[in-house]
Amino acid sequence: MKKSHAVGIAVTLLGAAAILMSMQIPVRNTTSDPGSRLFPMIASVALFVFGILIFLAAPKTKETDFLGRDGWQRLLLIAVELVAYLFGLKYLGFLISTPVFLFAFTTLLDREKKSRLVSRIIYSLVMTGLVWYVFKERLSVAMPAGVLF
């Protein structure tokens, strides 16, 4: 079995399980409220459908290796960065750890293009500010403050 077929089957099964779990979410009986089940159900059906499409669109030719040595190293570094970001959120808070994470992440992903350092710094700061504004100010979501600061 090809990797694409295996991924397609796995995503389809995950979508089916998510549909079953979404159907267990209680819904209010009001006409103006779409209910708390709507978004999980849409996402679950999308997962199910895309899983089938992945399976059907599997290449007919021989597949190459998923990642080479450099790719696996990059994937491991991304995982380490994500774990460090989670600890950073807990101890340093959103406003300190997010721009640092975004800068490190974009630097790691930008090995070949070599974009300017200033561009990555500006991107990290602007995205952090934008996410903070949308979630904290507009949606009133509590953002991690950190225990050290």
Protein backbone atom coordinates (compact mmCIF):
# COMPACT_ATOMS: atom_id res chain seq x y z
CA MET A 1 0.00 0.00 0.00
CA LYS A 2 1.30 3.42 -0.93
CA LYS A 3 1.80 6.13 1.66
CA SER A 4 -0.84 8.30 -0.01
CA HIS A 5 -3.38 5.51 0.28
CA ALA A 6 -2.53 4.98 3.95
CA VAL A 7 -2.79 8.70 4.67
CA GLY A 8 -6.10 8.91 2.81
CA ILE A 9 -7.55 6.01 4.80
CA ALA A 10 -6.26 7.45 8.09
CA VAL A 11 -7.70 10.91 7.39
CA THR A 12 -11.03 9.40 6.29
CA LEU A 13 -11.26 7.32 9.48
CA LEU A 14 -10.31 10.34 11.56
CA GLY A 15 -13.04 12.34 9.83
CA ALA A 16 -15.59 9.59 10.45
CA ALA A 17 -14.66 9.44 14.13
CA ALA A 18 -14.87 13.23 14.36
CA ILE A 19 -18.33 13.17 12.76
CA LEU A 20 -19.53 10.65 15.34
CA MET A 21 -18.07 12.71 18.18
CA SER A 22 -19.53 15.94 16.75
CA MET A 23 -22.98 14.40 16.70
CA GLN A 24 -22.75 13.98 20.48
CA ILE A 25 -22.40 17.72 21.08
CA PRO A 26 -25.65 19.05 22.58
CA VAL A 27 -27.53 21.67 20.56
CA ARG A 28 -30.02 24.31 21.73
CA ASN A 29 -33.42 24.37 20.08
CA THR A 30 -33.40 27.98 18.91
CA THR A 31 -33.89 29.12 15.36
CA SER A 32 -31.36 31.95 15.38
CA ASP A 33 -28.44 29.99 16.89
CA PRO A 34 -26.65 27.54 14.59
CA GLY A 35 -25.49 25.65 17.66
CA SER A 36 -22.17 24.55 18.99
CA ARG A 37 -22.21 21.48 16.75
CA LEU A 38 -22.01 23.38 13.45
CA PHE A 39 -18.28 24.12 13.14
CA PRO A 40 -17.06 20.74 14.43
CA MET A 41 -19.46 19.03 12.03
CA ILE A 42 -18.29 21.10 9.05
CA ALA A 43 -14.64 20.44 9.90
CA SER A 44 -15.31 16.72 10.40
CA VAL A 45 -17.12 16.33 7.09
CA ALA A 46 -14.32 18.24 5.35
CA LEU A 47 -11.76 15.89 6.91
CA PHE A 48 -13.77 12.88 5.75
CA VAL A 49 -14.15 14.19 2.19
CA PHE A 50 -10.52 15.26 1.86
CA GLY A 51 -9.39 11.88 3.16
CA ILE A 52 -11.30 10.22 0.34
CA LEU A 53 -9.82 12.69 -2.16
CA ILE A 54 -6.29 12.00 -0.90
CA PHE A 55 -6.88 8.28 -1.35
CA LEU A 56 -8.27 8.71 -4.86
CA ALA A 57 -5.60 11.18 -5.95
CA ALA A 58 -2.69 8.95 -4.92
CA PRO A 59 0.00 9.08 -7.59
CA LYS A 60 0.12 6.12 -9.94
CA THR A 61 3.89 6.27 -10.16
CA LYS A 62 6.47 5.10 -7.67
CA GLU A 63 6.60 7.34 -4.61
CA THR A 64 9.86 8.81 -3.42
CA ASP A 65 11.04 9.05 0.16
CA PHE A 66 8.91 11.26 2.37
CA LEU A 67 11.83 13.25 3.74
CA GLY A 68 15.56 13.14 3.31
CA ARG A 69 18.08 13.56 6.12
CA ASP A 70 17.84 17.36 5.98
CA GLY A 71 14.04 17.20 6.02
CA TRP A 72 13.98 14.99 9.12
CA GLN A 73 16.38 17.34 10.89
CA ARG A 74 14.18 20.28 10.01
CA LEU A 75 11.08 18.44 11.23
CA LEU A 76 12.80 17.63 14.52
CA LEU A 77 13.84 21.27 14.94
CA ILE A 78 10.24 22.38 14.32
CA ALA A 79 9.03 19.96 17.00
CA VAL A 80 11.65 21.29 19.44
CA GLU A 81 10.62 24.87 18.63
CA LEU A 82 6.95 24.05 19.25
CA VAL A 83 7.71 22.47 22.64
CA ALA A 84 9.89 25.45 23.57
CA TYR A 85 7.06 27.78 22.48
CA LEU A 86 4.60 25.96 24.76
CA PHE A 87 6.95 26.40 27.71
CA GLY A 88 7.51 29.99 26.66
CA LEU A 89 3.77 30.66 26.65
CA LYS A 90 3.49 29.26 30.15
CA TYR A 91 6.44 31.07 31.69
CA LEU A 92 6.99 34.17 29.53
CA GLY A 93 3.52 34.81 28.15
CA PHE A 94 2.16 35.40 24.67
CA LEU A 95 3.70 38.80 23.96
CA ILE A 96 7.27 37.67 24.64
CA SER A 97 7.30 34.08 23.40
CA THR A 98 5.26 34.47 20.20
CA PRO A 99 7.53 36.89 18.32
CA VAL A 100 10.57 34.84 19.35
CA PHE A 101 8.89 31.64 18.14
CA LEU A 102 7.70 33.20 14.88
CA PHE A 103 11.17 34.57 14.16
CA ALA A 104 12.83 31.21 14.87
CA PHE A 105 10.18 29.35 12.86
CA THR A 106 10.40 31.62 9.81
CA THR A 107 14.19 31.51 9.96
CA LEU A 108 14.10 27.70 9.96
CA LEU A 109 11.65 27.57 7.06
CA ASP A 110 13.56 30.19 5.08
CA ARG A 111 16.87 28.36 4.68
CA GLU A 112 16.91 28.45 0.88
CA LYS A 113 15.38 31.85 0.16
CA LYS A 114 17.53 33.81 2.59
CA SER A 115 15.01 36.60 3.13
CA ARG A 116 16.17 39.67 4.98
CA LEU A 117 16.52 39.56 8.74
CA VAL A 118 14.54 42.79 9.08
CA SER A 119 11.62 41.27 7.13
CA ARG A 120 11.41 38.29 9.47
CA ILE A 121 11.58 40.54 12.54
CA ILE A 122 8.84 42.83 11.21
CA TYR A 123 6.68 39.83 10.26
CA SER A 124 7.07 38.31 13.74
CA LEU A 125 6.14 41.54 15.50
CA VAL A 126 3.24 42.43 13.20
CA MET A 127 1.70 38.94 13.36
CA THR A 128 2.03 38.88 17.16
CA GLY A 129 0.37 42.28 17.43
CA LEU A 130 -2.39 41.35 15.00
CA VAL A 131 -3.22 38.08 16.77
CA TRP A 132 -3.11 39.84 20.16
CA TYR A 133 -5.45 42.58 18.94
CA VAL A 134 -7.97 40.24 17.32
CA PHE A 135 -8.15 37.74 20.15
CA LYS A 136 -7.63 39.99 23.18
CA GLU A 137 -9.33 43.21 22.15
CA ARG A 138 -11.97 42.18 19.61
CA LEU A 139 -12.90 38.66 20.79
CA SER A 140 -12.12 39.17 24.51
CA VAL A 141 -10.10 35.96 24.74
CA ALA A 142 -7.65 35.73 27.63
CA MET A 143 -4.13 35.38 26.28
CA PRO A 144 -1.36 33.65 28.28
CA ALA A 145 0.34 36.21 30.51
CA GLY A 146 3.15 33.99 31.79
CA VAL A 147 4.17 33.38 35.38
CA LEU A 148 7.56 35.12 35.25
CA PHE A 149 6.40 38.52 33.93
